[in-house]
């Protein structure tokens, strides 16, 4: 009764490493909220008795109030950490999340992800002229603006037409090849 359910939510989230998203625990969250409601109702009843002169209940009221605050902090930490992880997944996977990750999200989290995705897309479109600026392209800055590649690689992945010999080195803009490199597949 002293905030065990809410602390359990945070502990489970803390155990999950690697930026992955554990399943949303609706039942545990509902139980923690029910515990908060029960503590609040008990406090309300005891406060009315304490006003009538029973001062021995004050410590119990304070203890319950501390439990309420701890539950509140734990639930907010659980929800906020999940949102941070979902935001990081948007930057890692792009605008479409794999089904395995979406399966672990609640309906409200999916709605939040879609609003965040649209907001980020609108911002990227407003910042870089008519084409926009893809902020998700380079999380870490490239060492060079150009990538040197062999002609065969360029033909296979980037559809660059070179008229010289078989092993001629081509310089291709880093921005035009980053998506292809991250997917490791021909464009």
N, C-alpha and C. Protein backbone atom coordinates (compact mmCIF):
# COMPACT_ATOMS: atom_id res chain seq x y z
N UNK A 1 0.82 -1.19 0.00
CA UNK A 1 0.00 0.00 0.00
C UNK A 1 0.86 1.25 0.00
N UNK A 2 2.14 1.12 0.28
CA UNK A 2 3.02 2.29 0.32
C UNK A 2 3.73 2.46 -1.02
N UNK A 3 2.97 2.59 -2.09
CA UNK A 3 3.47 2.89 -3.44
C UNK A 3 4.26 1.76 -4.08
N UNK A 4 3.98 0.51 -3.73
CA UNK A 4 4.73 -0.59 -4.32
C UNK A 4 4.42 -0.77 -5.81
N UNK A 5 3.17 -0.62 -6.19
CA UNK A 5 2.79 -0.83 -7.58
C UNK A 5 3.45 0.20 -8.50
N UNK A 6 3.42 1.45 -8.09
CA UNK A 6 4.02 2.50 -8.92
C UNK A 6 5.53 2.35 -8.99
N UNK A 7 6.15 1.98 -7.89
CA UNK A 7 7.60 1.76 -7.89
C UNK A 7 7.93 0.57 -8.77
N UNK A 8 7.07 -0.44 -8.79
CA UNK A 8 7.27 -1.59 -9.67
C UNK A 8 7.28 -1.21 -11.14
N UNK A 9 6.43 -0.26 -11.52
CA UNK A 9 6.43 0.22 -12.90
C UNK A 9 7.77 0.84 -13.26
N UNK A 10 8.28 1.66 -12.37
CA UNK A 10 9.55 2.34 -12.64
C UNK A 10 10.70 1.33 -12.65
N UNK A 11 10.68 0.37 -11.74
CA UNK A 11 11.73 -0.65 -11.71
C UNK A 11 11.75 -1.47 -13.00
N UNK A 12 10.59 -1.85 -13.47
CA UNK A 12 10.53 -2.63 -14.71
C UNK A 12 11.07 -1.82 -15.89
N UNK A 13 10.73 -0.56 -15.94
CA UNK A 13 11.22 0.30 -17.01
C UNK A 13 12.74 0.47 -16.90
N UNK A 14 13.24 0.56 -15.69
CA UNK A 14 14.68 0.72 -15.46
C UNK A 14 15.44 -0.54 -15.87
N UNK A 15 14.85 -1.70 -15.69
CA UNK A 15 15.49 -2.97 -16.06
C UNK A 15 15.64 -3.12 -17.57
N UNK A 16 14.74 -2.50 -18.31
CA UNK A 16 14.79 -2.59 -19.77
C UNK A 16 15.87 -1.66 -20.27
N UNK A 17 16.87 -2.22 -20.93
CA UNK A 17 18.00 -1.42 -21.38
C UNK A 17 18.04 -1.37 -22.90
N UNK A 18 18.98 -0.61 -23.40
CA UNK A 18 19.18 -0.54 -24.83
C UNK A 18 18.19 0.35 -25.56
N UNK A 19 17.46 1.16 -24.86
CA UNK A 19 16.52 2.06 -25.52
C UNK A 19 15.28 1.37 -26.04
N UNK A 20 15.09 0.09 -25.70
CA UNK A 20 13.89 -0.61 -26.16
C UNK A 20 12.69 -0.17 -25.33
N UNK A 21 11.53 -0.49 -25.82
CA UNK A 21 10.29 -0.08 -25.17
C UNK A 21 9.56 -1.31 -24.65
N UNK A 22 9.45 -1.46 -23.34
CA UNK A 22 8.70 -2.60 -22.80
C UNK A 22 7.20 -2.39 -23.03
N UNK A 23 6.40 -3.44 -22.92
CA UNK A 23 4.96 -3.28 -23.09
C UNK A 23 4.37 -2.32 -22.07
N UNK A 24 3.38 -1.57 -22.50
CA UNK A 24 2.70 -0.64 -21.61
C UNK A 24 1.87 -1.45 -20.62
N UNK A 25 2.05 -1.19 -19.34
CA UNK A 25 1.39 -1.95 -18.27
C UNK A 25 0.12 -1.23 -17.82
N UNK A 26 -0.95 -1.44 -18.55
CA UNK A 26 -2.22 -0.77 -18.25
C UNK A 26 -2.77 -1.22 -16.91
N UNK A 27 -2.74 -2.51 -16.65
CA UNK A 27 -3.33 -3.03 -15.42
C UNK A 27 -2.57 -2.54 -14.19
N UNK A 28 -1.25 -2.58 -14.23
CA UNK A 28 -0.46 -2.11 -13.10
C UNK A 28 -0.67 -0.61 -12.86
N UNK A 29 -0.77 0.15 -13.94
CA UNK A 29 -1.02 1.59 -13.82
C UNK A 29 -2.40 1.85 -13.22
N UNK A 30 -3.38 1.07 -13.65
CA UNK A 30 -4.73 1.22 -13.10
C UNK A 30 -4.74 0.88 -11.60
N UNK A 31 -4.02 -0.16 -11.21
CA UNK A 31 -3.94 -0.53 -9.80
C UNK A 31 -3.25 0.55 -8.97
N UNK A 32 -2.22 1.16 -9.50
CA UNK A 32 -1.54 2.24 -8.78
C UNK A 32 -2.47 3.44 -8.62
N UNK A 33 -3.26 3.73 -9.64
CA UNK A 33 -4.21 4.85 -9.55
C UNK A 33 -5.34 4.52 -8.56
N UNK A 34 -5.77 3.27 -8.53
CA UNK A 34 -6.78 2.85 -7.55
C UNK A 34 -6.23 2.98 -6.13
N UNK A 35 -4.97 2.61 -5.95
CA UNK A 35 -4.34 2.75 -4.64
C UNK A 35 -4.31 4.23 -4.24
N UNK A 36 -4.02 5.10 -5.18
CA UNK A 36 -4.01 6.53 -4.88
C UNK A 36 -5.40 7.02 -4.49
N UNK A 37 -6.42 6.54 -5.22
CA UNK A 37 -7.79 6.95 -4.90
C UNK A 37 -8.18 6.49 -3.50
N UNK A 38 -7.82 5.25 -3.16
CA UNK A 38 -8.15 4.73 -1.82
C UNK A 38 -7.42 5.51 -0.73
N UNK A 39 -6.15 5.83 -0.94
CA UNK A 39 -5.41 6.63 0.03
C UNK A 39 -6.03 8.02 0.20
N UNK A 40 -6.44 8.61 -0.89
CA UNK A 40 -7.04 9.94 -0.84
C UNK A 40 -8.36 9.91 -0.05
N UNK A 41 -9.19 8.90 -0.32
CA UNK A 41 -10.47 8.81 0.39
C UNK A 41 -10.26 8.56 1.89
N UNK A 42 -9.27 7.72 2.23
CA UNK A 42 -8.98 7.49 3.64
C UNK A 42 -8.48 8.77 4.32
N UNK A 43 -7.67 9.51 3.61
CA UNK A 43 -7.19 10.78 4.16
C UNK A 43 -8.32 11.77 4.35
N UNK A 44 -9.23 11.84 3.42
CA UNK A 44 -10.36 12.77 3.54
C UNK A 44 -11.19 12.44 4.78
N UNK A 45 -11.43 11.16 5.00
CA UNK A 45 -12.21 10.76 6.18
C UNK A 45 -11.46 11.08 7.47
N UNK A 46 -10.16 10.82 7.48
CA UNK A 46 -9.37 11.09 8.68
C UNK A 46 -9.16 12.58 8.92
N UNK A 47 -9.11 13.37 7.87
CA UNK A 47 -8.97 14.82 8.05
C UNK A 47 -10.20 15.40 8.73
N UNK A 48 -11.37 14.93 8.32
CA UNK A 48 -12.59 15.44 8.96
C UNK A 48 -12.64 15.06 10.44
N UNK A 49 -12.13 13.86 10.78
CA UNK A 49 -12.06 13.46 12.19
C UNK A 49 -10.99 14.26 12.94
N UNK A 50 -9.85 14.54 12.27
CA UNK A 50 -8.78 15.29 12.92
C UNK A 50 -9.22 16.72 13.21
N UNK A 51 -10.08 17.27 12.36
CA UNK A 51 -10.59 18.62 12.58
C UNK A 51 -11.48 18.68 13.82
N UNK A 52 -12.10 17.55 14.12
CA UNK A 52 -12.97 17.52 15.29
C UNK A 52 -12.20 17.28 16.59
N UNK A 53 -10.86 17.12 16.51
CA UNK A 53 -10.08 17.03 17.73
C UNK A 53 -9.20 15.81 17.86
N UNK A 54 -9.25 14.85 16.96
CA UNK A 54 -8.40 13.64 17.07
C UNK A 54 -7.03 13.94 16.46
N UNK A 55 -6.11 14.38 17.26
CA UNK A 55 -4.79 14.74 16.76
C UNK A 55 -3.89 13.52 16.53
N UNK A 56 -4.27 12.35 17.01
CA UNK A 56 -3.46 11.15 16.81
C UNK A 56 -3.46 10.70 15.35
N UNK A 57 -4.37 11.21 14.52
CA UNK A 57 -4.45 10.82 13.11
C UNK A 57 -3.54 11.65 12.21
N UNK A 58 -2.96 12.69 12.73
CA UNK A 58 -2.17 13.60 11.89
C UNK A 58 -0.98 12.87 11.25
N UNK A 59 -0.30 12.03 12.01
CA UNK A 59 0.87 11.33 11.46
C UNK A 59 0.45 10.34 10.38
N UNK A 60 -0.68 9.67 10.58
CA UNK A 60 -1.20 8.75 9.57
C UNK A 60 -1.60 9.50 8.30
N UNK A 61 -2.21 10.66 8.47
CA UNK A 61 -2.59 11.49 7.32
C UNK A 61 -1.35 11.92 6.55
N UNK A 62 -0.31 12.34 7.26
CA UNK A 62 0.93 12.75 6.60
C UNK A 62 1.58 11.57 5.87
N UNK A 63 1.57 10.40 6.49
CA UNK A 63 2.15 9.22 5.85
C UNK A 63 1.42 8.90 4.55
N UNK A 64 0.09 8.90 4.60
CA UNK A 64 -0.69 8.63 3.38
C UNK A 64 -0.42 9.69 2.32
N UNK A 65 -0.32 10.93 2.75
CA UNK A 65 -0.06 12.01 1.79
C UNK A 65 1.31 11.82 1.12
N UNK A 66 2.30 11.40 1.89
CA UNK A 66 3.62 11.10 1.31
C UNK A 66 3.54 9.94 0.33
N UNK A 67 2.72 8.94 0.64
CA UNK A 67 2.52 7.82 -0.28
C UNK A 67 1.85 8.29 -1.57
N UNK A 68 0.87 9.19 -1.44
CA UNK A 68 0.22 9.76 -2.62
C UNK A 68 1.23 10.49 -3.50
N UNK A 69 2.06 11.30 -2.89
CA UNK A 69 3.06 12.06 -3.65
C UNK A 69 4.08 11.12 -4.31
N UNK A 70 4.47 10.07 -3.60
CA UNK A 70 5.42 9.11 -4.18
C UNK A 70 4.79 8.38 -5.36
N UNK A 71 3.55 7.95 -5.22
CA UNK A 71 2.85 7.32 -6.33
C UNK A 71 2.78 8.25 -7.53
N UNK A 72 2.45 9.50 -7.26
CA UNK A 72 2.33 10.47 -8.34
C UNK A 72 3.68 10.64 -9.06
N UNK A 73 4.76 10.78 -8.30
CA UNK A 73 6.08 10.94 -8.90
C UNK A 73 6.47 9.71 -9.72
N UNK A 74 6.19 8.53 -9.20
CA UNK A 74 6.55 7.29 -9.90
C UNK A 74 5.76 7.13 -11.19
N UNK A 75 4.48 7.41 -11.14
CA UNK A 75 3.65 7.29 -12.34
C UNK A 75 4.08 8.30 -13.39
N UNK A 76 4.33 9.53 -12.97
CA UNK A 76 4.79 10.54 -13.93
C UNK A 76 6.16 10.19 -14.50
N UNK A 77 7.05 9.65 -13.67
CA UNK A 77 8.37 9.23 -14.17
C UNK A 77 8.23 8.10 -15.17
N UNK A 78 7.33 7.16 -14.91
CA UNK A 78 7.09 6.04 -15.82
C UNK A 78 6.59 6.55 -17.18
N UNK A 79 5.59 7.41 -17.15
CA UNK A 79 5.02 7.91 -18.40
C UNK A 79 6.01 8.80 -19.15
N UNK A 80 6.72 9.66 -18.43
CA UNK A 80 7.67 10.57 -19.07
C UNK A 80 8.83 9.80 -19.70
N UNK A 81 9.34 8.79 -19.01
CA UNK A 81 10.45 8.00 -19.56
C UNK A 81 10.00 7.26 -20.81
N UNK A 82 8.78 6.77 -20.81
CA UNK A 82 8.27 6.10 -22.01
C UNK A 82 8.18 7.08 -23.18
N UNK A 83 7.73 8.31 -22.92
CA UNK A 83 7.66 9.30 -23.99
C UNK A 83 9.05 9.65 -24.51
N UNK A 84 10.03 9.75 -23.63
CA UNK A 84 11.40 10.01 -24.08
C UNK A 84 11.92 8.88 -24.96
N UNK A 85 11.60 7.66 -24.57
CA UNK A 85 12.03 6.51 -25.38
C UNK A 85 11.33 6.50 -26.74
N UNK A 86 10.06 6.84 -26.76
CA UNK A 86 9.32 6.88 -28.03
C UNK A 86 9.89 7.98 -28.93
N UNK A 87 10.22 9.13 -28.34
CA UNK A 87 10.82 10.21 -29.12
C UNK A 87 12.16 9.76 -29.70
N UNK A 88 12.97 9.06 -28.91
CA UNK A 88 14.26 8.57 -29.40
C UNK A 88 14.06 7.53 -30.51
N UNK A 89 13.01 6.73 -30.41
CA UNK A 89 12.73 5.75 -31.46
C UNK A 89 12.37 6.44 -32.78
N UNK A 90 11.72 7.60 -32.70
CA UNK A 90 11.40 8.36 -33.92
C UNK A 90 12.69 8.78 -34.63
N UNK A 91 13.68 9.20 -33.86
CA UNK A 91 14.95 9.61 -34.46
C UNK A 91 15.74 8.41 -34.96
N UNK A 92 15.57 7.27 -34.32
CA UNK A 92 16.33 6.07 -34.71
C UNK A 92 15.72 5.37 -35.92
N UNK A 93 14.40 5.17 -35.90
CA UNK A 93 13.74 4.39 -36.95
C UNK A 93 13.10 5.23 -38.04
N UNK A 94 12.89 6.49 -37.81
CA UNK A 94 12.22 7.33 -38.80
C UNK A 94 10.74 7.44 -38.46
N UNK A 95 9.97 7.82 -39.47
CA UNK A 95 8.56 8.11 -39.22
C UNK A 95 7.68 6.88 -39.11
N UNK A 96 8.19 5.72 -39.47
CA UNK A 96 7.41 4.49 -39.37
C UNK A 96 8.12 3.54 -38.41
N UNK A 97 7.46 3.23 -37.31
CA UNK A 97 8.03 2.31 -36.33
C UNK A 97 7.71 0.87 -36.71
N UNK A 98 8.60 -0.06 -36.38
CA UNK A 98 8.30 -1.47 -36.62
C UNK A 98 7.07 -1.91 -35.80
N UNK A 99 6.37 -2.90 -36.30
CA UNK A 99 5.16 -3.39 -35.64
C UNK A 99 5.45 -3.91 -34.24
N UNK A 100 6.62 -4.50 -34.03
CA UNK A 100 6.97 -5.03 -32.72
C UNK A 100 7.02 -3.92 -31.68
N UNK A 101 7.46 -2.75 -32.07
CA UNK A 101 7.51 -1.62 -31.14
C UNK A 101 6.13 -1.02 -30.96
N UNK A 102 5.39 -0.86 -32.04
CA UNK A 102 4.04 -0.29 -31.93
C UNK A 102 3.13 -1.16 -31.09
N UNK A 103 3.38 -2.46 -31.09
CA UNK A 103 2.58 -3.39 -30.30
C UNK A 103 2.72 -3.10 -28.80
N UNK A 104 3.88 -2.58 -28.38
CA UNK A 104 4.14 -2.30 -26.97
C UNK A 104 3.64 -0.92 -26.53
N UNK A 105 3.08 -0.16 -27.45
CA UNK A 105 2.64 1.20 -27.13
C UNK A 105 1.14 1.22 -26.86
N UNK A 106 0.74 2.14 -25.97
CA UNK A 106 -0.69 2.33 -25.73
C UNK A 106 -1.27 3.19 -26.85
N UNK A 107 -2.58 3.29 -26.91
CA UNK A 107 -3.23 4.10 -27.95
C UNK A 107 -2.84 5.57 -27.80
N UNK A 108 -2.72 6.05 -26.57
CA UNK A 108 -2.34 7.43 -26.34
C UNK A 108 -0.90 7.69 -26.77
N UNK A 109 -0.03 6.70 -26.58
CA UNK A 109 1.36 6.85 -27.00
C UNK A 109 1.47 6.86 -28.52
N UNK A 110 0.68 6.04 -29.19
CA UNK A 110 0.67 6.05 -30.65
C UNK A 110 0.18 7.40 -31.16
N UNK A 111 -0.85 7.94 -30.53
CA UNK A 111 -1.35 9.26 -30.90
C UNK A 111 -0.28 10.33 -30.67
N UNK A 112 0.42 10.27 -29.54
CA UNK A 112 1.49 11.23 -29.26
C UNK A 112 2.60 11.11 -30.28
N UNK A 113 2.97 9.87 -30.63
CA UNK A 113 4.02 9.65 -31.63
C UNK A 113 3.62 10.27 -32.96
N UNK A 114 2.37 10.08 -33.38
CA UNK A 114 1.92 10.64 -34.66
C UNK A 114 1.94 12.17 -34.64
N UNK A 115 1.53 12.78 -33.52
CA UNK A 115 1.58 14.24 -33.42
C UNK A 115 3.03 14.73 -33.43
N UNK A 116 3.91 14.03 -32.73
CA UNK A 116 5.32 14.41 -32.71
C UNK A 116 5.93 14.28 -34.11
N UNK A 117 5.58 13.21 -34.80
CA UNK A 117 6.08 12.97 -36.15
C UNK A 117 5.64 14.10 -37.09
N UNK A 118 4.37 14.49 -37.01
CA UNK A 118 3.87 15.57 -37.87
C UNK A 118 4.50 16.90 -37.51
N UNK A 119 4.67 17.16 -36.24
CA UNK A 119 5.30 18.41 -35.80
C UNK A 119 6.74 18.49 -36.27
N UNK A 120 7.48 17.40 -36.16
CA UNK A 120 8.87 17.37 -36.60
C UNK A 120 8.96 17.53 -38.12
N UNK A 121 8.06 16.89 -38.85
CA UNK A 121 8.06 17.02 -40.31
C UNK A 121 7.74 18.45 -40.73
N UNK A 122 6.80 19.08 -40.07
CA UNK A 122 6.46 20.47 -40.39
C UNK A 122 7.65 21.39 -40.12
N UNK A 123 8.33 21.16 -39.02
CA UNK A 123 9.50 21.98 -38.71
C UNK A 123 10.61 21.77 -39.74
N UNK A 124 10.89 20.50 -40.09
CA UNK A 124 11.95 20.23 -41.06
C UNK A 124 11.62 20.84 -42.42
N UNK A 125 10.36 20.85 -42.78
CA UNK A 125 9.96 21.44 -44.06
C UNK A 125 10.09 22.95 -44.04
N UNK A 126 9.85 23.56 -42.86
CA UNK A 126 9.91 25.02 -42.77
C UNK A 126 11.33 25.54 -42.73
N UNK A 127 12.29 24.69 -42.36
CA UNK A 127 13.68 25.16 -42.18
C UNK A 127 14.52 25.03 -43.44
N UNK A 128 14.57 24.50 -44.35
CA UNK A 128 15.59 24.34 -45.38
C UNK A 128 15.15 24.71 -46.75
N UNK A 129 14.42 25.78 -46.90
CA UNK A 129 14.01 26.18 -48.24
C UNK A 129 12.84 25.34 -48.72
N UNK A 130 12.76 25.21 -50.06
CA UNK A 130 11.60 24.49 -50.61
C UNK A 130 11.68 22.98 -50.42
N UNK A 131 12.88 22.43 -50.34
CA UNK A 131 13.01 20.98 -50.13
C UNK A 131 12.93 20.60 -48.66
N UNK A 132 13.26 21.50 -47.78
CA UNK A 132 13.28 21.20 -46.35
C UNK A 132 14.64 20.66 -45.94
N UNK A 133 14.82 20.50 -44.67
CA UNK A 133 16.07 20.01 -44.11
C UNK A 133 15.77 18.76 -43.30
N UNK A 134 16.38 17.65 -43.68
CA UNK A 134 16.15 16.39 -42.97
C UNK A 134 17.08 16.31 -41.77
N UNK A 135 16.54 16.61 -40.60
CA UNK A 135 17.34 16.60 -39.37
C UNK A 135 17.69 15.19 -38.92
N UNK A 136 16.95 14.21 -39.38
CA UNK A 136 17.19 12.83 -38.95
C UNK A 136 18.29 12.17 -39.78
N UNK A 137 18.79 12.86 -40.79
CA UNK A 137 19.75 12.26 -41.69
C UNK A 137 21.08 11.96 -41.01
N UNK A 138 21.66 12.94 -40.36
CA UNK A 138 22.96 12.74 -39.71
C UNK A 138 22.82 13.06 -38.23
N UNK A 139 22.71 12.03 -37.42
CA UNK A 139 22.67 12.25 -35.98
C UNK A 139 24.05 12.69 -35.50
N UNK A 140 25.09 12.09 -36.07
CA UNK A 140 26.46 12.52 -35.81
C UNK A 140 26.97 13.17 -37.10
N UNK A 141 27.69 14.29 -37.00
CA UNK A 141 28.14 14.97 -38.21
C UNK A 141 29.14 14.11 -38.99
N UNK A 142 29.07 14.16 -40.33
CA UNK A 142 29.99 13.36 -41.14
C UNK A 142 31.40 13.93 -41.09
N UNK A 143 32.39 13.08 -41.33
CA UNK A 143 33.78 13.54 -41.35
C UNK A 143 34.05 14.36 -42.61
N UNK A 144 33.33 14.06 -43.66
CA UNK A 144 33.51 14.77 -44.92
C UNK A 144 32.15 14.96 -45.58
N UNK A 145 32.05 16.00 -46.39
CA UNK A 145 30.79 16.21 -47.11
C UNK A 145 30.63 15.25 -48.27
N UNK A 146 31.73 14.66 -48.74
CA UNK A 146 31.69 13.75 -49.86
C UNK A 146 32.15 12.37 -49.44
N UNK A 147 31.61 11.35 -50.12
CA UNK A 147 32.00 9.96 -49.89
C UNK A 147 32.65 9.47 -51.16
N UNK A 148 33.83 8.89 -51.03
CA UNK A 148 34.49 8.33 -52.20
C UNK A 148 34.04 6.89 -52.36
N UNK A 149 33.67 6.54 -53.57
CA UNK A 149 33.24 5.17 -53.81
C UNK A 149 33.73 4.72 -55.17
N UNK A 150 33.84 3.42 -55.34
CA UNK A 150 34.19 2.89 -56.64
C UNK A 150 33.02 3.03 -57.58
N UNK A 151 33.30 3.07 -58.85
CA UNK A 151 32.25 3.27 -59.84
C UNK A 151 31.18 2.18 -59.75
N UNK A 152 31.61 0.93 -59.56
CA UNK A 152 30.64 -0.17 -59.49
C UNK A 152 29.68 0.04 -58.30
N UNK A 153 30.23 0.43 -57.16
CA UNK A 153 29.39 0.70 -55.99
C UNK A 153 28.44 1.85 -56.29
N UNK A 154 28.97 2.87 -56.94
CA UNK A 154 28.14 4.03 -57.27
C UNK A 154 27.01 3.63 -58.22
N UNK A 155 27.32 2.82 -59.19
CA UNK A 155 26.28 2.39 -60.13
C UNK A 155 25.23 1.54 -59.42
N UNK A 156 25.70 0.66 -58.55
CA UNK A 156 24.77 -0.25 -57.87
C UNK A 156 23.88 0.48 -56.90
N UNK A 157 24.44 1.33 -56.08
CA UNK A 157 23.65 1.94 -55.01
C UNK A 157 23.10 3.31 -55.36
N UNK A 158 23.83 4.09 -56.11
CA UNK A 158 23.45 5.49 -56.30
C UNK A 158 23.07 5.83 -57.73
N UNK A 159 23.18 4.86 -58.63
CA UNK A 159 22.80 5.06 -60.02
C UNK A 159 23.55 6.23 -60.66
N UNK A 160 24.83 6.31 -60.34
CA UNK A 160 25.69 7.34 -60.92
C UNK A 160 26.30 6.78 -62.19
N UNK A 161 26.21 7.52 -63.25
CA UNK A 161 26.74 7.09 -64.54
C UNK A 161 28.14 7.67 -64.72
N UNK A 162 29.14 6.82 -64.75
CA UNK A 162 30.52 7.28 -64.98
C UNK A 162 30.97 6.76 -66.33
N UNK A 163 31.61 7.60 -67.08
CA UNK A 163 32.02 7.22 -68.42
C UNK A 163 33.47 6.75 -68.48
N UNK A 164 34.19 6.85 -67.39
CA UNK A 164 35.61 6.48 -67.41
C UNK A 164 35.79 4.99 -67.12
N UNK A 165 37.01 4.60 -66.74
CA UNK A 165 37.36 3.21 -66.52
C UNK A 165 36.59 2.52 -65.42
N UNK A 166 36.82 1.22 -65.27
CA UNK A 166 36.05 0.38 -64.36
C UNK A 166 36.26 0.75 -62.89
N UNK A 167 37.41 1.17 -62.49
CA UNK A 167 37.68 1.45 -61.08
C UNK A 167 37.92 2.93 -60.82
N UNK A 168 37.22 3.77 -61.52
CA UNK A 168 37.36 5.20 -61.31
C UNK A 168 36.69 5.59 -59.99
N UNK A 169 37.31 6.49 -59.25
CA UNK A 169 36.78 6.94 -57.96
C UNK A 169 35.85 8.11 -58.21
N UNK A 170 34.67 8.04 -57.65
CA UNK A 170 33.67 9.10 -57.78
C UNK A 170 33.48 9.77 -56.42
N UNK A 171 33.19 11.04 -56.41
CA UNK A 171 32.85 11.75 -55.18
C UNK A 171 31.36 12.05 -55.22
N UNK A 172 30.67 11.58 -54.22
CA UNK A 172 29.22 11.73 -54.16
C UNK A 172 28.89 12.45 -52.87
N UNK A 173 27.92 13.35 -52.91
CA UNK A 173 27.54 14.09 -51.72
C UNK A 173 27.05 13.14 -50.63
N UNK A 174 27.48 13.42 -49.41
CA UNK A 174 27.15 12.57 -48.27
C UNK A 174 25.64 12.51 -48.05
N UNK A 175 24.97 13.62 -48.21
CA UNK A 175 23.53 13.67 -47.95
C UNK A 175 22.72 12.80 -48.89
N UNK A 176 23.21 12.61 -50.12
CA UNK A 176 22.44 11.83 -51.09
C UNK A 176 22.58 10.33 -50.89
N UNK A 177 23.55 9.88 -50.09
CA UNK A 177 23.74 8.45 -49.92
C UNK A 177 23.46 7.95 -48.52
N UNK A 178 23.22 8.85 -47.57
CA UNK A 178 23.10 8.43 -46.17
C UNK A 178 21.95 7.44 -45.94
N UNK A 179 20.81 7.70 -46.54
CA UNK A 179 19.66 6.81 -46.37
C UNK A 179 19.96 5.42 -46.90
N UNK A 180 20.61 5.36 -48.05
CA UNK A 180 20.95 4.07 -48.65
C UNK A 180 21.96 3.31 -47.80
N UNK A 181 22.93 4.02 -47.26
CA UNK A 181 23.94 3.39 -46.41
C UNK A 181 23.31 2.84 -45.14
N UNK A 182 22.41 3.62 -44.52
CA UNK A 182 21.81 3.17 -43.27
C UNK A 182 20.94 1.95 -43.47
N UNK A 183 20.36 1.80 -44.63
CA UNK A 183 19.52 0.62 -44.90
C UNK A 183 20.32 -0.54 -45.47
N UNK A 184 21.52 -0.29 -45.95
CA UNK A 184 22.39 -1.32 -46.55
C UNK A 184 21.68 -2.02 -47.69
N UNK A 185 20.99 -1.26 -48.50
CA UNK A 185 20.27 -1.84 -49.62
C UNK A 185 20.40 -0.91 -50.80
N UNK A 186 20.27 -1.45 -52.01
CA UNK A 186 20.34 -0.57 -53.18
C UNK A 186 19.16 0.39 -53.21
N UNK A 187 19.44 1.58 -53.69
CA UNK A 187 18.38 2.59 -53.77
C UNK A 187 17.43 2.28 -54.90
